[in-house]
Amino acid sequence: MATWPPTLAELRAERKLADGREDERLTRCLEAAIEWVADPVEGARADLAASFAALTAPASVKLGTLRFAARLHDRLRSPDGTVMFDEGLLGRVAGGDPDIDRLLGVGRFGRSVFA
C-alpha cells in the first residue's frame, strides 16, 4: 500500500521537473486526476473506496494516478490532439492509454459487472 493521494512533489519527480515553473498547471492536473480516480462512479473500482478513506491505496493506483495527471498535463500542450515532431511532421495523440487503464483497473481492464 502507498500513501494517498499523490503529492505535487511526487508528480514533479515522475515528470523529472526540478523547478516550480509548471507547478500551477501540474497542480490542476493532479487534482483532476485524484478526483477522477477517487470517484468510484467515474473512475476507480468501487472496492478501493475504503482504501482511499484510510489515506492509502495500492501502489498501482498511486502510479496510475500520477501517470494520468502527467497525461493531462501533456494534453495541455496539444489541445487539438496532435503533436509536432522535429521534422515538421504531425502525429496524433492517442485518446487513451492502456497502461494507465491497467494500473487503475478501469476500461477494458476493469472488473466485469453483471446487471
PDB file of N, CA and C in Angstrom:
ATOM      1  N   MET A   1       0.836  -1.187   0.000  1.00  0.00           N
ATOM      2  CA  MET A   1       0.000   0.000   0.000  1.00  0.00           C
ATOM      3  C   MET A   1       0.882   1.252   0.000  1.00  0.00           C
ATOM      4  N   ALA A   2       0.368   2.288  -0.619  1.00  0.00           N
ATOM      5  CA  ALA A   2       1.093   3.549  -0.719  1.00  0.00           C
ATOM      6  C   ALA A   2       0.245   4.658  -0.109  1.00  0.00           C
ATOM      7  N   THR A   3       0.903   5.737   0.299  1.00  0.00           N
ATOM      8  CA  THR A   3       0.156   6.868   0.848  1.00  0.00           C
ATOM      9  C   THR A   3      -0.702   7.493  -0.241  1.00  0.00           C
ATOM     10  N   TRP A   4      -1.811   8.028   0.168  1.00  0.00           N
ATOM     11  CA  TRP A   4      -2.763   8.618  -0.770  1.00  0.00           C
ATOM     12  C   TRP A   4      -3.185   9.977  -0.265  1.00  0.00           C
ATOM     13  N   PRO A   5      -3.405  10.956  -1.068  1.00  0.00           N
ATOM     14  CA  PRO A   5      -3.224  10.993  -2.510  1.00  0.00           C
ATOM     15  C   PRO A   5      -1.789  11.352  -2.879  1.00  0.00           C
ATOM     16  N   PRO A   6      -1.411  11.196  -4.155  1.00  0.00           N
ATOM     17  CA  PRO A   6      -0.067  11.592  -4.585  1.00  0.00           C
ATOM     18  C   PRO A   6       0.118  13.095  -4.400  1.00  0.00           C
ATOM     19  N   THR A   7       1.354  13.501  -4.194  1.00  0.00           N
ATOM     20  CA  THR A   7       1.656  14.918  -3.966  1.00  0.00           C
ATOM     21  C   THR A   7       2.239  15.561  -5.221  1.00  0.00           C
ATOM     22  N   LEU A   8       2.265  16.885  -5.205  1.00  0.00           N
ATOM     23  CA  LEU A   8       2.873  17.627  -6.304  1.00  0.00           C
ATOM     24  C   LEU A   8       4.354  17.255  -6.441  1.00  0.00           C
ATOM     25  N   ALA A   9       5.042  17.090  -5.326  1.00  0.00           N
ATOM     26  CA  ALA A   9       6.463  16.715  -5.374  1.00  0.00           C
ATOM     27  C   ALA A   9       6.645  15.359  -6.064  1.00  0.00           C
ATOM     28  N   GLU A  10       5.737  14.420  -5.808  1.00  0.00           N
ATOM     29  CA  GLU A  10       5.827  13.106  -6.456  1.00  0.00           C
ATOM     30  C   GLU A  10       5.556  13.218  -7.954  1.00  0.00           C
ATOM     31  N   LEU A  11       4.617  14.081  -8.334  1.00  0.00           N
ATOM     32  CA  LEU A  11       4.346  14.283  -9.755  1.00  0.00           C
ATOM     33  C   LEU A  11       5.535  14.952 -10.431  1.00  0.00           C
ATOM     34  N   ARG A  12       6.132  15.937  -9.759  1.00  0.00           N
ATOM     35  CA  ARG A  12       7.325  16.570 -10.312  1.00  0.00           C
ATOM     36  C   ARG A  12       8.446  15.559 -10.506  1.00  0.00           C
ATOM     37  N   ALA A  13       8.634  14.670  -9.525  1.00  0.00           N
ATOM     38  CA  ALA A  13       9.665  13.635  -9.644  1.00  0.00           C
ATOM     39  C   ALA A  13       9.340  12.685 -10.797  1.00  0.00           C
ATOM     40  N   GLU A  14       8.074  12.327 -10.957  1.00  0.00           N
ATOM     41  CA  GLU A  14       7.642  11.449 -12.055  1.00  0.00           C
ATOM     42  C   GLU A  14       7.925  12.089 -13.413  1.00  0.00           C
ATOM     43  N   ARG A  15       7.745  13.404 -13.500  1.00  0.00           N
ATOM     44  CA  ARG A  15       7.969  14.149 -14.746  1.00  0.00           C
ATOM     45  C   ARG A  15       9.414  14.609 -14.903  1.00  0.00           C
ATOM     46  N   LYS A  16      10.232  14.395 -13.870  1.00  0.00           N
ATOM     47  CA  LYS A  16      11.641  14.819 -13.861  1.00  0.00           C
ATOM     48  C   LYS A  16      11.765  16.332 -14.040  1.00  0.00           C
ATOM     49  N   LEU A  17      10.945  17.063 -13.277  1.00  0.00           N
ATOM     50  CA  LEU A  17      10.978  18.520 -13.284  1.00  0.00           C
ATOM     51  C   LEU A  17      11.583  18.998 -11.969  1.00  0.00           C
ATOM     52  N   ALA A  18      12.660  19.749 -12.046  1.00  0.00           N
ATOM     53  CA  ALA A  18      13.359  20.185 -10.837  1.00  0.00           C
ATOM     54  C   ALA A  18      12.827  21.515 -10.303  1.00  0.00           C
ATOM     55  N   ASP A  19      12.374  22.369 -11.187  1.00  0.00           N
ATOM     56  CA  ASP A  19      11.924  23.690 -10.726  1.00  0.00           C
ATOM     57  C   ASP A  19      10.404  23.738 -10.625  1.00  0.00           C
ATOM     58  N   GLY A  20       9.884  24.871 -10.184  1.00  0.00           N
ATOM     59  CA  GLY A  20       8.460  25.007  -9.957  1.00  0.00           C
ATOM     60  C   GLY A  20       7.726  25.796 -11.030  1.00  0.00           C
ATOM     61  N   ARG A  21       8.324  25.927 -12.220  1.00  0.00           N
ATOM     62  CA  ARG A  21       7.697  26.744 -13.263  1.00  0.00           C
ATOM     63  C   ARG A  21       6.341  26.208 -13.711  1.00  0.00           C
ATOM     64  N   GLU A  22       6.150  24.911 -13.654  1.00  0.00           N
ATOM     65  CA  GLU A  22       4.903  24.296 -14.111  1.00  0.00           C
ATOM     66  C   GLU A  22       3.966  23.946 -12.958  1.00  0.00           C
ATOM     67  N   ASP A  23       4.274  24.383 -11.749  1.00  0.00           N
ATOM     68  CA  ASP A  23       3.528  23.934 -10.562  1.00  0.00           C
ATOM     69  C   ASP A  23       2.029  24.213 -10.633  1.00  0.00           C
ATOM     70  N   GLU A  24       1.634  25.366 -11.109  1.00  0.00           N
ATOM     71  CA  GLU A  24       0.211  25.693 -11.160  1.00  0.00           C
ATOM     72  C   GLU A  24      -0.534  24.732 -12.089  1.00  0.00           C
ATOM     73  N   ARG A  25       0.009  24.505 -13.267  1.00  0.00           N
ATOM     74  CA  ARG A  25      -0.625  23.585 -14.221  1.00  0.00           C
ATOM     75  C   ARG A  25      -0.575  22.150 -13.716  1.00  0.00           C
ATOM     76  N   LEU A  26       0.567  21.749 -13.142  1.00  0.00           N
ATOM     77  CA  LEU A  26       0.679  20.392 -12.605  1.00  0.00           C
ATOM     78  C   LEU A  26      -0.316  20.163 -11.476  1.00  0.00           C
ATOM     79  N   THR A  27      -0.494  21.159 -10.630  1.00  0.00           N
ATOM     80  CA  THR A  27      -1.437  21.047  -9.513  1.00  0.00           C
ATOM     81  C   THR A  27      -2.858  20.844 -10.022  1.00  0.00           C
ATOM     82  N   ARG A  28      -3.249  21.622 -11.014  1.00  0.00           N
ATOM     83  CA  ARG A  28      -4.599  21.459 -11.588  1.00  0.00           C
ATOM     84  C   ARG A  28      -4.789  20.064 -12.165  1.00  0.00           C
ATOM     85  N   CYS A  29      -3.794  19.564 -12.881  1.00  0.00           N
ATOM     86  CA  CYS A  29      -3.889  18.237 -13.487  1.00  0.00           C
ATOM     87  C   CYS A  29      -3.898  17.148 -12.422  1.00  0.00           C
ATOM     88  N   LEU A  30      -3.091  17.307 -11.386  1.00  0.00           N
ATOM     89  CA  LEU A  30      -3.055  16.317 -10.309  1.00  0.00           C
ATOM     90  C   LEU A  30      -4.377  16.288  -9.559  1.00  0.00           C
ATOM     91  N   GLU A  31      -4.933  17.443  -9.261  1.00  0.00           N
ATOM     92  CA  GLU A  31      -6.218  17.489  -8.561  1.00  0.00           C
ATOM     93  C   GLU A  31      -7.315  16.823  -9.386  1.00  0.00           C
ATOM     94  N   ALA A  32      -7.326  17.071 -10.692  1.00  0.00           N
ATOM     95  CA  ALA A  32      -8.327  16.449 -11.556  1.00  0.00           C
ATOM     96  C   ALA A  32      -8.152  14.936 -11.601  1.00  0.00           C
ATOM     97  N   ALA A  33      -6.913  14.473 -11.691  1.00  0.00           N
ATOM     98  CA  ALA A  33      -6.651  13.038 -11.730  1.00  0.00           C
ATOM     99  C   ALA A  33      -7.061  12.373 -10.422  1.00  0.00           C
ATOM    100  N   ILE A  34      -6.738  12.996  -9.304  1.00  0.00           N
ATOM    101  CA  ILE A  34      -7.111  12.438  -7.994  1.00  0.00           C
ATOM    102  C   ILE A  34      -8.629  12.361  -7.872  1.00  0.00           C
ATOM    103  N   GLU A  35      -9.308  13.424  -8.267  1.00  0.00           N
ATOM    104  CA  GLU A  35     -10.769  13.443  -8.181  1.00  0.00           C
ATOM    105  C   GLU A  35     -11.376  12.339  -9.047  1.00  0.00           C
ATOM    106  N   TRP A  36     -10.867  12.168 -10.259  1.00  0.00           N
ATOM    107  CA  TRP A  36     -11.408  11.149 -11.158  1.00  0.00           C
ATOM    108  C   TRP A  36     -11.163   9.743 -10.614  1.00  0.00           C
ATOM    109  N   VAL A  37      -9.947   9.488 -10.131  1.00  0.00           N
ATOM    110  CA  VAL A  37      -9.607   8.155  -9.638  1.00  0.00           C
ATOM    111  C   VAL A  37     -10.354   7.830  -8.351  1.00  0.00           C
ATOM    112  N   ALA A  38     -10.525   8.805  -7.476  1.00  0.00           N
ATOM    113  CA  ALA A  38     -11.158   8.554  -6.184  1.00  0.00           C
ATOM    114  C   ALA A  38     -12.669   8.400  -6.273  1.00  0.00           C
ATOM    115  N   ASP A  39     -13.271   8.825  -7.379  1.00  0.00           N
ATOM    116  CA  ASP A  39     -14.723   8.727  -7.535  1.00  0.00           C
ATOM    117  C   ASP A  39     -15.086   7.332  -8.031  1.00  0.00           C
ATOM    118  N   PRO A  40     -15.704   6.504  -7.198  1.00  0.00           N
ATOM    119  CA  PRO A  40     -15.984   5.129  -7.603  1.00  0.00           C
ATOM    120  C   PRO A  40     -16.971   5.013  -8.759  1.00  0.00           C
ATOM    121  N   VAL A  41     -17.749   6.057  -9.019  1.00  0.00           N
ATOM    122  CA  VAL A  41     -18.689   6.005 -10.139  1.00  0.00           C
ATOM    123  C   VAL A  41     -17.965   6.306 -11.449  1.00  0.00           C
ATOM    124  N   GLU A  42     -17.109   7.319 -11.448  1.00  0.00           N
ATOM    125  CA  GLU A  42     -16.447   7.749 -12.673  1.00  0.00           C
ATOM    126  C   GLU A  42     -15.122   7.050 -12.930  1.00  0.00           C
ATOM    127  N   GLY A  43     -14.367   6.737 -11.895  1.00  0.00           N
ATOM    128  CA  GLY A  43     -13.025   6.263 -12.124  1.00  0.00           C
ATOM    129  C   GLY A  43     -12.693   4.941 -11.487  1.00  0.00           C
ATOM    130  N   ALA A  44     -12.250   4.998 -10.272  1.00  0.00           N
ATOM    131  CA  ALA A  44     -11.671   3.825  -9.619  1.00  0.00           C
ATOM    132  C   ALA A  44     -12.684   2.726  -9.367  1.00  0.00           C
ATOM    133  N   ARG A  45     -12.169   1.560  -9.158  1.00  0.00           N
ATOM    134  CA  ARG A  45     -13.024   0.432  -8.779  1.00  0.00           C
ATOM    135  C   ARG A  45     -13.691   0.752  -7.448  1.00  0.00           C
ATOM    136  N   ALA A  46     -14.907   0.348  -7.290  1.00  0.00           N
ATOM    137  CA  ALA A  46     -15.665   0.652  -6.077  1.00  0.00           C
ATOM    138  C   ALA A  46     -15.005   0.059  -4.837  1.00  0.00           C
ATOM    139  N   ASP A  47     -14.278  -1.054  -4.973  1.00  0.00           N
ATOM    140  CA  ASP A  47     -13.662  -1.690  -3.811  1.00  0.00           C
ATOM    141  C   ASP A  47     -12.481  -0.903  -3.261  1.00  0.00           C
ATOM    142  N   LEU A  48     -12.081   0.173  -3.950  1.00  0.00           N
ATOM    143  CA  LEU A  48     -10.975   0.990  -3.450  1.00  0.00           C
ATOM    144  C   LEU A  48     -11.451   2.109  -2.537  1.00  0.00           C
ATOM    145  N   ALA A  49     -12.735   2.337  -2.458  1.00  0.00           N
ATOM    146  CA  ALA A  49     -13.267   3.465  -1.681  1.00  0.00           C
ATOM    147  C   ALA A  49     -12.796   3.427  -0.234  1.00  0.00           C
ATOM    148  N   ALA A  50     -12.786   2.266   0.397  1.00  0.00           N
ATOM    149  CA  ALA A  50     -12.343   2.164   1.795  1.00  0.00           C
ATOM    150  C   ALA A  50     -10.860   2.494   1.917  1.00  0.00           C
ATOM    151  N   SER A  51     -10.061   2.071   0.950  1.00  0.00           N
ATOM    152  CA  SER A  51      -8.625   2.387   0.982  1.00  0.00           C
ATOM    153  C   SER A  51      -8.394   3.882   0.889  1.00  0.00           C
ATOM    154  N   PHE A  52      -9.135   4.548   0.005  1.00  0.00           N
ATOM    155  CA  PHE A  52      -8.968   5.985  -0.141  1.00  0.00           C
ATOM    156  C   PHE A  52      -9.331   6.704   1.149  1.00  0.00           C
ATOM    157  N   ALA A  53     -10.378   6.232   1.814  1.00  0.00           N
ATOM    158  CA  ALA A  53     -10.798   6.855   3.061  1.00  0.00           C
ATOM    159  C   ALA A  53      -9.722   6.728   4.126  1.00  0.00           C
ATOM    160  N   ALA A  54      -8.923   5.657   4.065  1.00  0.00           N
ATOM    161  CA  ALA A  54      -7.866   5.433   5.047  1.00  0.00           C
ATOM    162  C   ALA A  54      -6.556   6.099   4.632  1.00  0.00           C
ATOM    163  N   LEU A  55      -6.586   6.872   3.541  1.00  0.00           N
ATOM    164  CA  LEU A  55      -5.413   7.575   3.016  1.00  0.00           C
ATOM    165  C   LEU A  55      -4.305   6.623   2.580  1.00  0.00           C
ATOM    166  N   THR A  56      -4.686   5.464   2.081  1.00  0.00           N
ATOM    167  CA  THR A  56      -3.746   4.538   1.451  1.00  0.00           C
ATOM    168  C   THR A  56      -4.391   4.029   0.177  1.00  0.00           C
ATOM    169  N   ALA A  57      -3.565   3.529  -0.715  1.00  0.00           N
ATOM    170  CA  ALA A  57      -4.047   2.942  -1.959  1.00  0.00           C
ATOM    171  C   ALA A  57      -2.989   1.970  -2.451  1.00  0.00           C
ATOM    172  N   PRO A  58      -3.381   1.012  -3.264  1.00  0.00           N
ATOM    173  CA  PRO A  58      -2.376   0.136  -3.858  1.00  0.00           C
ATOM    174  C   PRO A  58      -1.358   0.956  -4.664  1.00  0.00           C
ATOM    175  N   ALA A  59      -0.130   0.488  -4.700  1.00  0.00           N
ATOM    176  CA  ALA A  59       0.928   1.213  -5.421  1.00  0.00           C
ATOM    177  C   ALA A  59       0.566   1.404  -6.888  1.00  0.00           C
ATOM    178  N   SER A  60      -0.138   0.431  -7.485  1.00  0.00           N
ATOM    179  CA  SER A  60      -0.517   0.558  -8.894  1.00  0.00           C
ATOM    180  C   SER A  60      -1.487   1.725  -9.101  1.00  0.00           C
ATOM    181  N   VAL A  61      -2.372   1.949  -8.148  1.00  0.00           N
ATOM    182  CA  VAL A  61      -3.330   3.050  -8.265  1.00  0.00           C
ATOM    183  C   VAL A  61      -2.616   4.386  -8.105  1.00  0.00           C
ATOM    184  N   LYS A  62      -1.672   4.457  -7.177  1.00  0.00           N
ATOM    185  CA  LYS A  62      -0.927   5.704  -7.000  1.00  0.00           C
ATOM    186  C   LYS A  62      -0.131   6.035  -8.262  1.00  0.00           C
ATOM    187  N   LEU A  63       0.564   5.035  -8.815  1.00  0.00           N
ATOM    188  CA  LEU A  63       1.337   5.258 -10.039  1.00  0.00           C
ATOM    189  C   LEU A  63       0.409   5.603 -11.200  1.00  0.00           C
ATOM    190  N   GLY A  64      -0.718   4.914 -11.299  1.00  0.00           N
ATOM    191  CA  GLY A  64      -1.680   5.218 -12.354  1.00  0.00           C
ATOM    192  C   GLY A  64      -2.202   6.640 -12.259  1.00  0.00           C
ATOM    193  N   THR A  65      -2.436   7.113 -11.035  1.00  0.00           N
ATOM    194  CA  THR A  65      -2.909   8.481 -10.825  1.00  0.00           C
ATOM    195  C   THR A  65      -1.842   9.485 -11.269  1.00  0.00           C
ATOM    196  N   LEU A  66      -0.596   9.221 -10.903  1.00  0.00           N
ATOM    197  CA  LEU A  66       0.496  10.112 -11.313  1.00  0.00           C
ATOM    198  C   LEU A  66       0.637  10.131 -12.831  1.00  0.00           C
ATOM    199  N   ARG A  67       0.557   8.970 -13.453  1.00  0.00           N
ATOM    200  CA  ARG A  67       0.675   8.893 -14.913  1.00  0.00           C
ATOM    201  C   ARG A  67      -0.513   9.571 -15.606  1.00  0.00           C
ATOM    202  N   PHE A  68      -1.704   9.433 -15.024  1.00  0.00           N
ATOM    203  CA  PHE A  68      -2.882  10.083 -15.586  1.00  0.00           C
ATOM    204  C   PHE A  68      -2.739  11.598 -15.483  1.00  0.00           C
ATOM    205  N   ALA A  69      -2.258  12.097 -14.340  1.00  0.00           N
ATOM    206  CA  ALA A  69      -2.033  13.537 -14.181  1.00  0.00           C
ATOM    207  C   ALA A  69      -0.998  14.028 -15.187  1.00  0.00           C
ATOM    208  N   ALA A  70       0.063  13.248 -15.408  1.00  0.00           N
ATOM    209  CA  ALA A  70       1.090  13.620 -16.388  1.00  0.00           C
ATOM    210  C   ALA A  70       0.492  13.660 -17.793  1.00  0.00           C
ATOM    211  N   ARG A  71      -0.385  12.710 -18.091  1.00  0.00           N
ATOM    212  CA  ARG A  71      -1.035  12.692 -19.408  1.00  0.00           C
ATOM    213  C   ARG A  71      -1.925  13.928 -19.585  1.00  0.00           C
ATOM    214  N   LEU A  72      -2.681  14.292 -18.544  1.00  0.00           N
ATOM    215  CA  LEU A  72      -3.493  15.504 -18.618  1.00  0.00           C
ATOM    216  C   LEU A  72      -2.619  16.729 -18.852  1.00  0.00           C
ATOM    217  N   HIS A  73      -1.476  16.779 -18.186  1.00  0.00           N
ATOM    218  CA  HIS A  73      -0.541  17.890 -18.351  1.00  0.00           C
ATOM    219  C   HIS A  73      -0.024  17.948 -19.788  1.00  0.00           C
ATOM    220  N   ASP A  74       0.321  16.792 -20.342  1.00  0.00           N
ATOM    221  CA  ASP A  74       0.798  16.748 -21.725  1.00  0.00           C
ATOM    222  C   ASP A  74      -0.277  17.197 -22.710  1.00  0.00           C
ATOM    223  N   ARG A  75      -1.527  16.858 -22.415  1.00  0.00           N
ATOM    224  CA  ARG A  75      -2.617  17.245 -23.308  1.00  0.00           C
ATOM    225  C   ARG A  75      -2.818  18.756 -23.349  1.00  0.00           C
ATOM    226  N   LEU A  76      -2.384  19.483 -22.314  1.00  0.00           N
ATOM    227  CA  LEU A  76      -2.488  20.941 -22.349  1.00  0.00           C
ATOM    228  C   LEU A  76      -1.647  21.513 -23.478  1.00  0.00           C
ATOM    229  N   ARG A  77      -0.621  20.789 -23.877  1.00  0.00           N
ATOM    230  CA  ARG A  77       0.259  21.242 -24.954  1.00  0.00           C
ATOM    231  C   ARG A  77      -0.271  20.850 -26.327  1.00  0.00           C
ATOM    232  N   SER A  78      -1.305  20.016 -26.367  1.00  0.00           N
ATOM    233  CA  SER A  78      -1.849  19.576 -27.648  1.00  0.00           C
ATOM    234  C   SER A  78      -3.376  19.543 -27.587  1.00  0.00           C
ATOM    235  N   PRO A  79      -4.015  20.704 -27.488  1.00  0.00           N
ATOM    236  CA  PRO A  79      -5.473  20.728 -27.353  1.00  0.00           C
ATOM    237  C   PRO A  79      -6.205  20.138 -28.555  1.00  0.00           C
ATOM    238  N   ASP A  80      -5.565  20.145 -29.726  1.00  0.00           N
ATOM    239  CA  ASP A  80      -6.227  19.582 -30.901  1.00  0.00           C
ATOM    240  C   ASP A  80      -5.919  18.102 -31.096  1.00  0.00           C
ATOM    241  N   GLY A  81      -5.155  17.504 -30.164  1.00  0.00           N
ATOM    242  CA  GLY A  81      -4.870  16.075 -30.243  1.00  0.00           C
ATOM    243  C   GLY A  81      -3.728  15.713 -31.154  1.00  0.00           C
ATOM    244  N   THR A  82      -2.903  16.701 -31.518  1.00  0.00           N
ATOM    245  CA  THR A  82      -1.747  16.418 -32.368  1.00  0.00           C
ATOM    246  C   THR A  82      -0.474  16.913 -31.691  1.00  0.00           C
ATOM    247  N   VAL A  83       0.646  16.387 -32.132  1.00  0.00           N
ATOM    248  CA  VAL A  83       1.947  16.807 -31.613  1.00  0.00           C
ATOM    249  C   VAL A  83       2.903  16.977 -32.798  1.00  0.00           C
ATOM    250  N   MET A  84       3.753  17.992 -32.724  1.00  0.00           N
ATOM    251  CA  MET A  84       4.693  18.290 -33.799  1.00  0.00           C
ATOM    252  C   MET A  84       6.029  17.608 -33.521  1.00  0.00           C
ATOM    253  N   PHE A  85       6.566  16.939 -34.537  1.00  0.00           N
ATOM    254  CA  PHE A  85       7.870  16.297 -34.439  1.00  0.00           C
ATOM    255  C   PHE A  85       8.942  17.204 -35.033  1.00  0.00           C
ATOM    256  N   ASP A  86      10.206  16.872 -34.799  1.00  0.00           N
ATOM    257  CA  ASP A  86      11.329  17.708 -35.236  1.00  0.00           C
ATOM    258  C   ASP A  86      11.330  17.986 -36.735  1.00  0.00           C
ATOM    259  N   GLU A  87      10.923  17.031 -37.531  1.00  0.00           N
ATOM    260  CA  GLU A  87      10.971  17.180 -38.984  1.00  0.00           C
ATOM    261  C   GLU A  87       9.774  17.935 -39.535  1.00  0.00           C
ATOM    262  N   GLY A  88       8.960  18.529 -38.673  1.00  0.00           N
ATOM    263  CA  GLY A  88       7.785  19.258 -39.118  1.00  0.00           C
ATOM    264  C   GLY A  88       6.583  18.372 -39.378  1.00  0.00           C
ATOM    265  N   LEU A  89       6.657  17.131 -38.954  1.00  0.00           N
ATOM    266  CA  LEU A  89       5.551  16.195 -39.148  1.00  0.00           C
ATOM    267  C   LEU A  89       4.602  16.241 -37.966  1.00  0.00           C
ATOM    268  N   LEU A  90       3.334  16.051 -38.239  1.00  0.00           N
ATOM    269  CA  LEU A  90       2.329  15.999 -37.191  1.00  0.00           C
ATOM    270  C   LEU A  90       2.001  14.549 -36.866  1.00  0.00           C
ATOM    271  N   GLY A  91       1.792  14.290 -35.578  1.00  0.00           N
ATOM    272  CA  GLY A  91       1.370  12.965 -35.136  1.00  0.00           C
ATOM    273  C   GLY A  91       0.117  13.106 -34.284  1.00  0.00           C
ATOM    274  N   ARG A  92      -0.709  12.082 -34.281  1.00  0.00           N
ATOM    275  CA  ARG A  92      -1.950  12.104 -33.497  1.00  0.00           C
ATOM    276  C   ARG A  92      -1.690  11.534 -32.110  1.00  0.00           C
ATOM    277  N   VAL A  93      -2.213  12.195 -31.084  1.00  0.00           N
ATOM    278  CA  VAL A  93      -2.115  11.723 -29.711  1.00  0.00           C
ATOM    279  C   VAL A  93      -3.270  10.755 -29.478  1.00  0.00           C
ATOM    280  N   ALA A  94      -2.952   9.571 -28.995  1.00  0.00           N
ATOM    281  CA  ALA A  94      -3.990   8.562 -28.759  1.00  0.00           C
ATOM    282  C   ALA A  94      -4.995   9.051 -27.729  1.00  0.00           C
ATOM    283  N   GLY A  95      -6.232   8.610 -27.862  1.00  0.00           N
ATOM    284  CA  GLY A  95      -7.307   9.036 -26.969  1.00  0.00           C
ATOM    285  C   GLY A  95      -7.231   8.429 -25.583  1.00  0.00           C
ATOM    286  N   GLY A  96      -6.513   7.356 -25.423  1.00  0.00           N
ATOM    287  CA  GLY A  96      -6.407   6.703 -24.123  1.00  0.00           C
ATOM    288  C   GLY A  96      -5.069   6.013 -23.979  1.00  0.00           C
ATOM    289  N   ASP A  97      -4.784   5.537 -22.798  1.00  0.00           N
ATOM    290  CA  ASP A  97      -3.524   4.862 -22.533  1.00  0.00           C
ATOM    291  C   ASP A  97      -3.816   3.545 -21.821  1.00  0.00           C
ATOM    292  N   PRO A  98      -3.595   2.419 -22.490  1.00  0.00           N
ATOM    293  CA  PRO A  98      -3.910   1.126 -21.868  1.00  0.00           C
ATOM    294  C   PRO A  98      -3.094   0.846 -20.609  1.00  0.00           C
ATOM    295  N   ASP A  99      -1.893   1.389 -20.508  1.00  0.00           N
ATOM    296  CA  ASP A  99      -1.088   1.178 -19.295  1.00  0.00           C
ATOM    297  C   ASP A  99      -1.740   1.855 -18.084  1.00  0.00           C
ATOM    298  N   ILE A 100      -2.244   3.061 -18.282  1.00  0.00           N
ATOM    299  CA  ILE A 100      -2.924   3.764 -17.191  1.00  0.00           C
ATOM    300  C   ILE A 100      -4.201   3.015 -16.825  1.00  0.00           C
ATOM    301  N   ASP A 101      -4.960   2.578 -17.829  1.00  0.00           N
ATOM    302  CA  ASP A 101      -6.174   1.796 -17.556  1.00  0.00           C
ATOM    303  C   ASP A 101      -5.855   0.527 -16.774  1.00  0.00           C
ATOM    304  N   ARG A 102      -4.760  -0.122 -17.126  1.00  0.00           N
ATOM    305  CA  ARG A 102      -4.368  -1.350 -16.424  1.00  0.00           C
ATOM    306  C   ARG A 102      -3.987  -1.047 -14.974  1.00  0.00           C
ATOM    307  N   LEU A 103      -3.215   0.005 -14.751  1.00  0.00           N
ATOM    308  CA  LEU A 103      -2.813   0.365 -13.393  1.00  0.00           C
ATOM    309  C   LEU A 103      -4.012   0.720 -12.518  1.00  0.00           C
ATOM    310  N   LEU A 104      -4.995   1.399 -13.113  1.00  0.00           N
ATOM    311  CA  LEU A 104      -6.162   1.842 -12.348  1.00  0.00           C
ATOM    312  C   LEU A 104      -7.284   0.813 -12.339  1.00  0.00           C
ATOM    313  N   GLY A 105      -7.169  -0.209 -13.171  1.00  0.00           N
ATOM    314  CA  GLY A 105      -8.210  -1.231 -13.221  1.00  0.00           C
ATOM    315  C   GLY A 105      -9.521  -0.710 -13.782  1.00  0.00           C
ATOM    316  N   VAL A 106      -9.433   0.108 -14.833  1.00  0.00           N
ATOM    317  CA  VAL A 106     -10.631   0.673 -15.458  1.00  0.00           C
ATOM    318  C   VAL A 106     -10.653   0.302 -16.931  1.00  0.00           C
ATOM    319  N   GLY A 107     -11.724   0.716 -17.612  1.00  0.00           N
ATOM    320  CA  GLY A 107     -11.838   0.419 -19.041  1.00  0.00           C
ATOM    321  C   GLY A 107     -11.900  -1.069 -19.276  1.00  0.00           C
ATOM    322  N   ARG A 108     -11.193  -1.543 -20.274  1.00  0.00           N
ATOM    323  CA  ARG A 108     -11.225  -2.975 -20.578  1.00  0.00           C
ATOM    324  C   ARG A 108     -10.518  -3.805 -19.517  1.00  0.00           C
ATOM    325  N   PHE A 109      -9.787  -3.155 -18.611  1.00  0.00           N
ATOM    326  CA  PHE A 109      -9.101  -3.867 -17.532  1.00  0.00           C
ATOM    327  C   PHE A 109      -9.908  -3.851 -16.228  1.00  0.00           C
ATOM    328  N   GLY A 110     -11.099  -3.278 -16.280  1.00  0.00           N
ATOM    329  CA  GLY A 110     -11.965  -3.232 -15.109  1.00  0.00           C
ATOM    330  C   GLY A 110     -12.618  -4.586 -14.855  1.00  0.00           C
ATOM    331  N   ARG A 111     -13.194  -4.688 -13.708  1.00  0.00           N
ATOM    332  CA  ARG A 111     -13.884  -5.918 -13.345  1.00  0.00           C
ATOM    333  C   ARG A 111     -15.219  -5.997 -14.074  1.00  0.00           C
ATOM    334  N   SER A 112     -15.612  -7.197 -14.392  1.00  0.00           N
ATOM    335  CA  SER A 112     -16.899  -7.410 -15.054  1.00  0.00           C
ATOM    336  C   SER A 112     -18.037  -7.066 -14.117  1.00  0.00           C
ATOM    337  N   VAL A 113     -19.053  -6.451 -14.681  1.00  0.00           N
ATOM    338  CA  VAL A 113     -20.245  -6.088 -13.904  1.00  0.00           C
ATOM    339  C   VAL A 113     -21.440  -6.759 -14.559  1.00  0.00           C
ATOM    340  N   PHE A 114     -22.215  -7.475 -13.770  1.00  0.00           N
ATOM    341  CA  PHE A 114     -23.421  -8.115 -14.266  1.00  0.00           C
ATOM    342  C   PHE A 114     -24.629  -7.402 -13.704  1.00  0.00           C
ATOM    343  N   ALA A 115     -25.572  -7.127 -14.553  1.00  0.00           N
ATOM    344  CA  ALA A 115     -26.772  -6.406 -14.121  1.00  0.00           C
ATOM    345  C   ALA A 115     -27.804  -7.335 -13.528  1.00  0.00           C
TER     346      ALA A 115
END
